[in-house]
């Protein structure tokens, strides 16, 4: 697994969490080439998950192998602009998706089932949730500023 992060500290976190290779995308001259260098024959990755958005989209797309998939799940740097579908063809019949939680939990029963799977994995230790900070609910603004300023690692917990 190749992980990218926006600081050396976050790269170390990714490495500690099991990434085989890490790249600080804020320091990479050519992020796609750096990612591809870790793949067999530089072919690219099977799947790229991009939670940053606008500033990393082009590199994420260029990191894919032919018939690879790019899943955009966030827009920390801004929304990805409209995409010319011919770029997907030119890149090798690429797949692009923007999953939404609403499309993966059709009704309350499915939501409860999926939540049960995740919470079960947390309970049995197969999924570890990294807590990056705890804030009293009265300090929710400070928690938001930390998130917005990209000063967090892991999840933030608001305590009532």
N, C-alpha and C. Protein backbone atom coordinates (compact mmCIF):
# COMPACT_ATOMS: atom_id res chain seq x y z
N UNK A 1 0.84 -1.17 0.00
CA UNK A 1 0.00 0.00 0.00
C UNK A 1 0.89 1.24 0.00
N UNK A 2 0.56 2.18 -0.86
CA UNK A 2 1.23 3.47 -0.92
C UNK A 2 0.28 4.49 -0.31
N UNK A 3 0.74 5.20 0.70
CA UNK A 3 -0.07 6.24 1.33
C UNK A 3 0.56 7.60 1.05
N UNK A 4 -0.29 8.59 0.88
CA UNK A 4 0.20 9.96 0.75
C UNK A 4 -0.39 10.77 1.88
N UNK A 5 0.37 11.75 2.34
CA UNK A 5 -0.09 12.63 3.41
C UNK A 5 0.55 14.00 3.20
N UNK A 6 -0.01 15.00 3.86
CA UNK A 6 0.43 16.37 3.63
C UNK A 6 1.49 16.89 4.58
N UNK A 7 2.09 16.02 5.39
CA UNK A 7 3.18 16.44 6.28
C UNK A 7 3.99 15.21 6.67
N UNK A 8 5.20 15.45 7.15
CA UNK A 8 6.03 14.33 7.58
C UNK A 8 5.42 13.62 8.78
N UNK A 9 4.80 14.38 9.69
CA UNK A 9 4.18 13.76 10.86
C UNK A 9 3.06 12.82 10.43
N UNK A 10 2.25 13.24 9.46
CA UNK A 10 1.16 12.39 8.99
C UNK A 10 1.70 11.20 8.19
N UNK A 11 2.83 11.39 7.53
CA UNK A 11 3.47 10.26 6.84
C UNK A 11 3.91 9.21 7.86
N UNK A 12 4.46 9.65 8.98
CA UNK A 12 4.88 8.72 10.02
C UNK A 12 3.68 7.97 10.60
N UNK A 13 2.56 8.66 10.74
CA UNK A 13 1.34 8.00 11.21
C UNK A 13 0.91 6.93 10.22
N UNK A 14 0.93 7.25 8.94
CA UNK A 14 0.54 6.27 7.91
C UNK A 14 1.47 5.06 7.94
N UNK A 15 2.75 5.30 8.11
CA UNK A 15 3.72 4.20 8.19
C UNK A 15 3.43 3.33 9.42
N UNK A 16 3.17 3.98 10.55
CA UNK A 16 2.89 3.24 11.77
C UNK A 16 1.60 2.44 11.66
N UNK A 17 0.70 2.87 10.82
CA UNK A 17 -0.59 2.19 10.63
C UNK A 17 -0.52 1.11 9.55
N UNK A 18 0.67 0.91 8.96
CA UNK A 18 0.83 -0.23 8.06
C UNK A 18 1.09 0.07 6.60
N UNK A 19 1.23 1.33 6.23
CA UNK A 19 1.54 1.64 4.83
C UNK A 19 2.92 1.10 4.48
N UNK A 20 3.03 0.48 3.32
CA UNK A 20 4.32 -0.03 2.87
C UNK A 20 5.25 1.10 2.43
N UNK A 21 4.66 2.12 1.82
CA UNK A 21 5.41 3.27 1.32
C UNK A 21 4.60 4.52 1.62
N UNK A 22 5.28 5.61 1.95
CA UNK A 22 4.58 6.87 2.20
C UNK A 22 5.25 8.00 1.43
N UNK A 23 4.43 8.94 1.00
CA UNK A 23 4.91 10.10 0.24
C UNK A 23 4.26 11.34 0.83
N UNK A 24 5.07 12.34 1.13
CA UNK A 24 4.55 13.64 1.56
C UNK A 24 4.20 14.42 0.30
N UNK A 25 2.90 14.48 -0.02
CA UNK A 25 2.50 15.10 -1.28
C UNK A 25 2.78 16.60 -1.31
N UNK A 26 2.96 17.22 -0.14
CA UNK A 26 3.27 18.65 -0.13
C UNK A 26 4.71 18.91 -0.57
N UNK A 27 5.54 17.85 -0.58
CA UNK A 27 6.95 17.98 -0.97
C UNK A 27 7.27 17.31 -2.30
N UNK A 28 6.33 16.58 -2.86
CA UNK A 28 6.59 15.83 -4.09
C UNK A 28 6.50 16.73 -5.32
N UNK A 29 7.53 16.70 -6.16
CA UNK A 29 7.50 17.46 -7.41
C UNK A 29 6.49 16.86 -8.39
N UNK A 30 6.42 15.54 -8.44
CA UNK A 30 5.50 14.84 -9.34
C UNK A 30 4.91 13.68 -8.55
N UNK A 31 3.78 13.95 -7.90
CA UNK A 31 3.17 12.96 -7.02
C UNK A 31 2.82 11.68 -7.74
N UNK A 32 2.25 11.79 -8.93
CA UNK A 32 1.87 10.58 -9.68
C UNK A 32 3.10 9.72 -9.98
N UNK A 33 4.19 10.34 -10.39
CA UNK A 33 5.41 9.58 -10.67
C UNK A 33 5.96 8.93 -9.40
N UNK A 34 5.87 9.65 -8.28
CA UNK A 34 6.35 9.09 -7.02
C UNK A 34 5.52 7.87 -6.62
N UNK A 35 4.20 7.94 -6.81
CA UNK A 35 3.34 6.79 -6.50
C UNK A 35 3.65 5.64 -7.45
N UNK A 36 3.71 5.94 -8.73
CA UNK A 36 3.96 4.90 -9.74
C UNK A 36 5.30 4.20 -9.51
N UNK A 37 6.27 4.90 -8.96
CA UNK A 37 7.59 4.31 -8.72
C UNK A 37 7.52 3.12 -7.76
N UNK A 38 6.48 3.06 -6.95
CA UNK A 38 6.33 1.95 -6.00
C UNK A 38 5.49 0.81 -6.56
N UNK A 39 5.09 0.89 -7.83
CA UNK A 39 4.27 -0.17 -8.43
C UNK A 39 5.09 -0.96 -9.44
N UNK A 40 4.73 -2.22 -9.69
CA UNK A 40 5.49 -3.03 -10.65
C UNK A 40 5.57 -2.35 -12.02
N UNK A 41 6.76 -2.20 -12.52
CA UNK A 41 7.01 -1.58 -13.82
C UNK A 41 6.42 -0.19 -13.95
N UNK A 42 6.15 0.47 -12.82
CA UNK A 42 5.60 1.83 -12.85
C UNK A 42 4.21 1.91 -13.44
N UNK A 43 3.47 0.80 -13.41
CA UNK A 43 2.18 0.73 -14.10
C UNK A 43 1.10 1.56 -13.43
N UNK A 44 1.23 1.85 -12.14
CA UNK A 44 0.21 2.59 -11.42
C UNK A 44 -0.54 1.71 -10.44
N UNK A 45 -1.35 2.33 -9.63
CA UNK A 45 -2.09 1.62 -8.59
C UNK A 45 -3.45 1.15 -9.11
N UNK A 46 -3.96 0.11 -8.49
CA UNK A 46 -5.28 -0.41 -8.86
C UNK A 46 -6.38 0.55 -8.45
N UNK A 47 -6.25 1.10 -7.24
CA UNK A 47 -7.27 1.99 -6.69
C UNK A 47 -6.58 3.13 -5.96
N UNK A 48 -7.10 4.34 -6.13
CA UNK A 48 -6.64 5.49 -5.36
C UNK A 48 -7.85 6.07 -4.63
N UNK A 49 -7.69 6.33 -3.35
CA UNK A 49 -8.73 6.96 -2.54
C UNK A 49 -8.25 8.37 -2.23
N UNK A 50 -9.02 9.37 -2.62
CA UNK A 50 -8.60 10.76 -2.49
C UNK A 50 -9.60 11.52 -1.63
N UNK A 51 -9.17 11.92 -0.45
CA UNK A 51 -10.00 12.72 0.44
C UNK A 51 -9.63 14.18 0.43
N UNK A 52 -8.62 14.55 -0.37
CA UNK A 52 -8.17 15.93 -0.42
C UNK A 52 -8.95 16.73 -1.45
N UNK A 53 -9.11 16.17 -2.64
CA UNK A 53 -9.95 16.84 -3.64
C UNK A 53 -9.18 17.59 -4.70
N UNK A 54 -9.52 18.85 -4.86
CA UNK A 54 -9.06 19.66 -5.99
C UNK A 54 -7.54 19.64 -6.18
N UNK A 55 -6.78 19.80 -5.10
CA UNK A 55 -5.33 19.94 -5.25
C UNK A 55 -4.61 18.63 -5.57
N UNK A 56 -5.24 17.49 -5.33
CA UNK A 56 -4.58 16.20 -5.58
C UNK A 56 -5.27 15.37 -6.66
N UNK A 57 -6.40 15.84 -7.17
CA UNK A 57 -7.18 15.05 -8.12
C UNK A 57 -6.37 14.63 -9.34
N UNK A 58 -5.70 15.57 -9.99
CA UNK A 58 -4.95 15.23 -11.22
C UNK A 58 -3.89 14.18 -10.94
N UNK A 59 -3.17 14.33 -9.83
CA UNK A 59 -2.12 13.36 -9.50
C UNK A 59 -2.74 12.00 -9.16
N UNK A 60 -3.86 12.01 -8.47
CA UNK A 60 -4.52 10.74 -8.14
C UNK A 60 -4.94 10.01 -9.41
N UNK A 61 -5.52 10.74 -10.35
CA UNK A 61 -5.95 10.14 -11.61
C UNK A 61 -4.74 9.61 -12.38
N UNK A 62 -3.66 10.38 -12.40
CA UNK A 62 -2.45 9.97 -13.13
C UNK A 62 -1.71 8.83 -12.45
N UNK A 63 -2.05 8.53 -11.20
CA UNK A 63 -1.40 7.44 -10.46
C UNK A 63 -1.98 6.07 -10.80
N UNK A 64 -3.11 6.05 -11.50
CA UNK A 64 -3.82 4.80 -11.74
C UNK A 64 -3.22 3.98 -12.88
N UNK A 65 -3.34 2.67 -12.77
CA UNK A 65 -3.01 1.76 -13.86
C UNK A 65 -4.19 1.78 -14.84
N UNK A 66 -4.02 1.26 -16.05
CA UNK A 66 -5.17 1.12 -16.94
C UNK A 66 -6.28 0.32 -16.24
N UNK A 67 -7.50 0.77 -16.38
CA UNK A 67 -8.69 0.21 -15.76
C UNK A 67 -8.68 0.36 -14.24
N UNK A 68 -7.88 1.30 -13.75
CA UNK A 68 -7.86 1.58 -12.32
C UNK A 68 -9.06 2.42 -11.91
N UNK A 69 -9.26 2.51 -10.60
CA UNK A 69 -10.40 3.23 -10.05
C UNK A 69 -9.94 4.33 -9.12
N UNK A 70 -10.53 5.50 -9.28
CA UNK A 70 -10.30 6.62 -8.37
C UNK A 70 -11.60 6.88 -7.62
N UNK A 71 -11.52 6.80 -6.29
CA UNK A 71 -12.67 7.09 -5.43
C UNK A 71 -12.39 8.39 -4.69
N UNK A 72 -13.17 9.41 -5.02
CA UNK A 72 -13.05 10.71 -4.35
C UNK A 72 -14.04 10.68 -3.18
N UNK A 73 -13.54 10.83 -1.96
CA UNK A 73 -14.44 10.77 -0.80
C UNK A 73 -14.42 12.03 0.04
N UNK A 74 -13.70 13.04 -0.40
CA UNK A 74 -13.65 14.28 0.36
C UNK A 74 -13.13 15.41 -0.50
N UNK A 75 -13.19 16.60 0.07
CA UNK A 75 -12.77 17.79 -0.67
C UNK A 75 -12.10 18.78 0.27
N UNK A 76 -11.10 18.30 1.02
CA UNK A 76 -10.42 19.16 1.98
C UNK A 76 -9.80 20.39 1.32
N UNK A 77 -9.35 20.27 0.07
CA UNK A 77 -8.74 21.41 -0.63
C UNK A 77 -9.71 22.08 -1.59
N UNK A 78 -10.95 21.64 -1.58
CA UNK A 78 -11.96 22.19 -2.49
C UNK A 78 -12.52 21.09 -3.37
N UNK A 79 -13.65 21.40 -3.95
CA UNK A 79 -14.33 20.43 -4.81
C UNK A 79 -13.55 20.20 -6.10
N UNK A 80 -13.61 18.98 -6.59
CA UNK A 80 -13.00 18.64 -7.87
C UNK A 80 -13.85 19.28 -8.97
N UNK A 81 -13.23 19.98 -9.91
CA UNK A 81 -14.02 20.59 -10.99
C UNK A 81 -14.59 19.52 -11.92
N UNK A 82 -15.55 19.89 -12.75
CA UNK A 82 -16.11 18.92 -13.70
C UNK A 82 -15.00 18.25 -14.51
N UNK A 83 -15.21 16.98 -14.83
CA UNK A 83 -14.20 16.17 -15.50
C UNK A 83 -14.65 15.84 -16.92
N UNK A 84 -13.75 16.04 -17.88
CA UNK A 84 -13.99 15.60 -19.25
C UNK A 84 -13.81 14.09 -19.27
N UNK A 85 -14.85 13.36 -19.59
CA UNK A 85 -14.77 11.89 -19.54
C UNK A 85 -13.73 11.33 -20.50
N UNK A 86 -13.31 12.09 -21.48
CA UNK A 86 -12.26 11.61 -22.38
C UNK A 86 -10.94 11.41 -21.64
N UNK A 87 -10.76 12.12 -20.51
CA UNK A 87 -9.56 11.90 -19.70
C UNK A 87 -9.53 10.47 -19.17
N UNK A 88 -10.69 9.93 -18.85
CA UNK A 88 -10.76 8.55 -18.34
C UNK A 88 -10.36 7.57 -19.43
N UNK A 89 -10.78 7.84 -20.64
CA UNK A 89 -10.40 7.00 -21.79
C UNK A 89 -8.89 7.12 -22.04
N UNK A 90 -8.39 8.33 -22.08
CA UNK A 90 -6.97 8.56 -22.36
C UNK A 90 -6.07 7.92 -21.30
N UNK A 91 -6.56 7.85 -20.07
CA UNK A 91 -5.77 7.25 -18.99
C UNK A 91 -5.78 5.74 -18.99
N UNK A 92 -6.60 5.13 -19.85
CA UNK A 92 -6.64 3.67 -19.93
C UNK A 92 -7.95 3.09 -19.42
N UNK A 93 -9.06 3.65 -19.86
CA UNK A 93 -10.38 3.16 -19.44
C UNK A 93 -10.52 3.19 -17.92
N UNK A 94 -10.26 4.35 -17.35
CA UNK A 94 -10.30 4.52 -15.90
C UNK A 94 -11.73 4.62 -15.38
N UNK A 95 -11.88 4.29 -14.11
CA UNK A 95 -13.16 4.41 -13.42
C UNK A 95 -13.05 5.53 -12.39
N UNK A 96 -14.09 6.32 -12.26
CA UNK A 96 -14.12 7.43 -11.31
C UNK A 96 -15.43 7.37 -10.55
N UNK A 97 -15.35 7.45 -9.23
CA UNK A 97 -16.57 7.42 -8.43
C UNK A 97 -16.48 8.43 -7.30
N UNK A 98 -17.64 8.91 -6.88
CA UNK A 98 -17.74 9.81 -5.72
C UNK A 98 -18.80 9.23 -4.79
N UNK A 99 -18.40 8.23 -3.97
CA UNK A 99 -19.38 7.56 -3.12
C UNK A 99 -19.97 8.49 -2.07
N UNK A 100 -21.18 8.20 -1.72
CA UNK A 100 -21.89 8.96 -0.69
C UNK A 100 -22.50 7.98 0.30
N UNK A 101 -22.43 8.30 1.56
CA UNK A 101 -22.99 7.42 2.58
C UNK A 101 -24.46 7.12 2.30
N UNK A 102 -25.19 8.11 1.82
CA UNK A 102 -26.62 7.93 1.57
C UNK A 102 -26.89 6.83 0.55
N UNK A 103 -25.97 6.59 -0.36
CA UNK A 103 -26.16 5.55 -1.37
C UNK A 103 -25.75 4.16 -0.87
N UNK A 104 -25.14 4.10 0.29
CA UNK A 104 -24.69 2.82 0.84
C UNK A 104 -25.52 2.35 2.02
N UNK A 105 -26.45 3.17 2.44
CA UNK A 105 -27.38 2.80 3.51
C UNK A 105 -28.78 3.22 3.05
N UNK A 106 -29.44 2.32 2.36
CA UNK A 106 -30.73 2.63 1.74
C UNK A 106 -31.84 2.84 2.76
N UNK A 107 -31.74 2.19 3.91
CA UNK A 107 -32.80 2.34 4.91
C UNK A 107 -32.20 2.11 6.30
N UNK A 108 -33.01 2.30 7.31
CA UNK A 108 -32.54 2.18 8.69
C UNK A 108 -31.96 0.80 8.98
N UNK A 109 -32.57 -0.24 8.45
CA UNK A 109 -32.07 -1.60 8.67
C UNK A 109 -30.65 -1.77 8.15
N UNK A 110 -30.41 -1.26 6.96
CA UNK A 110 -29.06 -1.37 6.39
C UNK A 110 -28.07 -0.53 7.19
N UNK A 111 -28.49 0.67 7.62
CA UNK A 111 -27.63 1.51 8.44
C UNK A 111 -27.24 0.78 9.72
N UNK A 112 -28.21 0.18 10.38
CA UNK A 112 -27.91 -0.54 11.62
C UNK A 112 -27.00 -1.74 11.37
N UNK A 113 -27.22 -2.45 10.27
CA UNK A 113 -26.37 -3.60 9.95
C UNK A 113 -24.94 -3.17 9.69
N UNK A 114 -24.77 -2.12 8.90
CA UNK A 114 -23.40 -1.65 8.59
C UNK A 114 -22.73 -1.09 9.84
N UNK A 115 -23.48 -0.34 10.63
CA UNK A 115 -22.92 0.19 11.88
C UNK A 115 -22.51 -0.95 12.80
N UNK A 116 -23.33 -2.00 12.84
CA UNK A 116 -23.00 -3.17 13.66
C UNK A 116 -21.71 -3.83 13.22
N UNK A 117 -21.49 -3.91 11.90
CA UNK A 117 -20.25 -4.49 11.39
C UNK A 117 -19.04 -3.67 11.83
N UNK A 118 -19.15 -2.35 11.68
CA UNK A 118 -18.03 -1.47 12.05
C UNK A 118 -17.78 -1.52 13.55
N UNK A 119 -18.84 -1.37 14.33
CA UNK A 119 -18.67 -1.38 15.79
C UNK A 119 -18.19 -2.74 16.28
N UNK A 120 -18.62 -3.81 15.62
CA UNK A 120 -18.11 -5.14 15.97
C UNK A 120 -16.62 -5.26 15.70
N UNK A 121 -16.17 -4.69 14.60
CA UNK A 121 -14.74 -4.72 14.27
C UNK A 121 -13.93 -3.90 15.27
N UNK A 122 -14.50 -2.79 15.74
CA UNK A 122 -13.82 -2.00 16.77
C UNK A 122 -13.76 -2.82 18.06
N UNK A 123 -14.87 -3.44 18.42
CA UNK A 123 -14.94 -4.22 19.66
C UNK A 123 -13.99 -5.40 19.67
N UNK A 124 -13.83 -6.08 18.52
CA UNK A 124 -12.94 -7.26 18.50
C UNK A 124 -11.49 -6.91 18.19
N UNK A 125 -11.21 -5.62 18.00
CA UNK A 125 -9.83 -5.18 17.80
C UNK A 125 -9.33 -5.25 16.38
N UNK A 126 -10.15 -5.70 15.44
CA UNK A 126 -9.68 -5.77 14.06
C UNK A 126 -9.71 -4.41 13.36
N UNK A 127 -10.38 -3.44 13.97
CA UNK A 127 -10.38 -2.06 13.46
C UNK A 127 -10.06 -1.15 14.62
N UNK A 128 -8.99 -0.39 14.47
CA UNK A 128 -8.58 0.53 15.51
C UNK A 128 -8.91 1.95 15.06
N UNK A 129 -9.57 2.69 15.92
CA UNK A 129 -9.90 4.08 15.62
C UNK A 129 -8.87 4.96 16.32
N UNK A 130 -8.16 5.74 15.54
CA UNK A 130 -7.16 6.65 16.11
C UNK A 130 -7.87 7.93 16.56
N UNK A 131 -7.78 8.22 17.84
CA UNK A 131 -8.38 9.44 18.39
C UNK A 131 -7.29 10.51 18.40
N UNK A 132 -7.52 11.56 17.63
CA UNK A 132 -6.53 12.63 17.51
C UNK A 132 -6.72 13.76 18.49
N UNK A 133 -7.85 13.79 19.17
CA UNK A 133 -8.10 14.84 20.15
C UNK A 133 -9.49 14.73 20.71
N UNK A 134 -9.63 15.24 21.92
CA UNK A 134 -10.93 15.28 22.59
C UNK A 134 -11.20 16.72 22.98
N UNK A 135 -12.41 17.19 22.68
CA UNK A 135 -12.78 18.57 22.97
C UNK A 135 -14.11 18.60 23.70
N UNK A 136 -14.24 19.46 24.71
CA UNK A 136 -15.58 19.66 25.27
C UNK A 136 -16.48 20.22 24.18
N UNK A 137 -17.75 19.88 24.22
CA UNK A 137 -18.69 20.36 23.21
C UNK A 137 -18.67 21.88 23.13
N UNK A 138 -18.42 22.53 24.25
CA UNK A 138 -18.36 24.00 24.24
C UNK A 138 -17.18 24.52 23.42
N UNK A 139 -16.20 23.66 23.12
CA UNK A 139 -15.04 24.04 22.30
C UNK A 139 -15.13 23.46 20.89
N UNK A 140 -16.34 23.19 20.43
CA UNK A 140 -16.51 22.63 19.09
C UNK A 140 -15.89 23.52 18.02
N UNK A 141 -15.93 24.83 18.23
CA UNK A 141 -15.31 25.75 17.28
C UNK A 141 -13.81 25.52 17.16
N UNK A 142 -13.15 25.26 18.27
CA UNK A 142 -11.71 24.99 18.24
C UNK A 142 -11.43 23.68 17.52
N UNK A 143 -12.29 22.69 17.73
CA UNK A 143 -12.12 21.41 17.03
C UNK A 143 -12.26 21.61 15.53
N UNK A 144 -13.25 22.39 15.14
CA UNK A 144 -13.47 22.67 13.71
C UNK A 144 -12.26 23.40 13.13
N UNK A 145 -11.73 24.38 13.85
CA UNK A 145 -10.56 25.11 13.37
C UNK A 145 -9.36 24.18 13.20
N UNK A 146 -9.19 23.24 14.11
CA UNK A 146 -8.09 22.28 14.00
C UNK A 146 -8.26 21.43 12.75
N UNK A 147 -9.50 20.97 12.49
CA UNK A 147 -9.77 20.19 11.28
C UNK A 147 -9.52 21.03 10.03
N UNK A 148 -10.08 22.21 10.02
CA UNK A 148 -9.96 23.10 8.85
C UNK A 148 -8.51 23.46 8.59
N UNK A 149 -7.73 23.61 9.66
CA UNK A 149 -6.33 23.97 9.53
C UNK A 149 -5.41 22.79 9.29
N UNK A 150 -5.99 21.61 9.12
CA UNK A 150 -5.25 20.38 8.85
C UNK A 150 -4.22 20.08 9.94
N UNK A 151 -4.59 20.41 11.18
CA UNK A 151 -3.70 20.21 12.31
C UNK A 151 -4.05 18.96 13.11
N UNK A 152 -4.82 18.07 12.50
CA UNK A 152 -5.27 16.88 13.23
C UNK A 152 -4.76 15.60 12.57
N UNK A 153 -4.68 14.58 13.37
CA UNK A 153 -4.45 13.21 12.90
C UNK A 153 -5.44 12.35 13.65
N UNK A 154 -6.16 11.52 12.95
CA UNK A 154 -7.17 10.71 13.60
C UNK A 154 -8.47 11.46 13.75
N UNK A 155 -9.37 10.88 14.49
CA UNK A 155 -10.71 11.43 14.68
C UNK A 155 -10.73 12.34 15.90
N UNK A 156 -11.57 13.35 15.84
CA UNK A 156 -11.79 14.22 16.99
C UNK A 156 -13.09 13.82 17.66
N UNK A 157 -13.09 13.86 18.98
CA UNK A 157 -14.26 13.50 19.76
C UNK A 157 -14.74 14.74 20.49
N UNK A 158 -16.04 15.05 20.34
CA UNK A 158 -16.67 16.13 21.10
C UNK A 158 -17.36 15.51 22.30
N UNK A 159 -17.06 16.03 23.48
CA UNK A 159 -17.59 15.47 24.72
C UNK A 159 -18.65 16.42 25.27
N UNK A 160 -19.90 15.91 25.43
CA UNK A 160 -20.98 16.77 25.95
C UNK A 160 -20.73 17.19 27.39
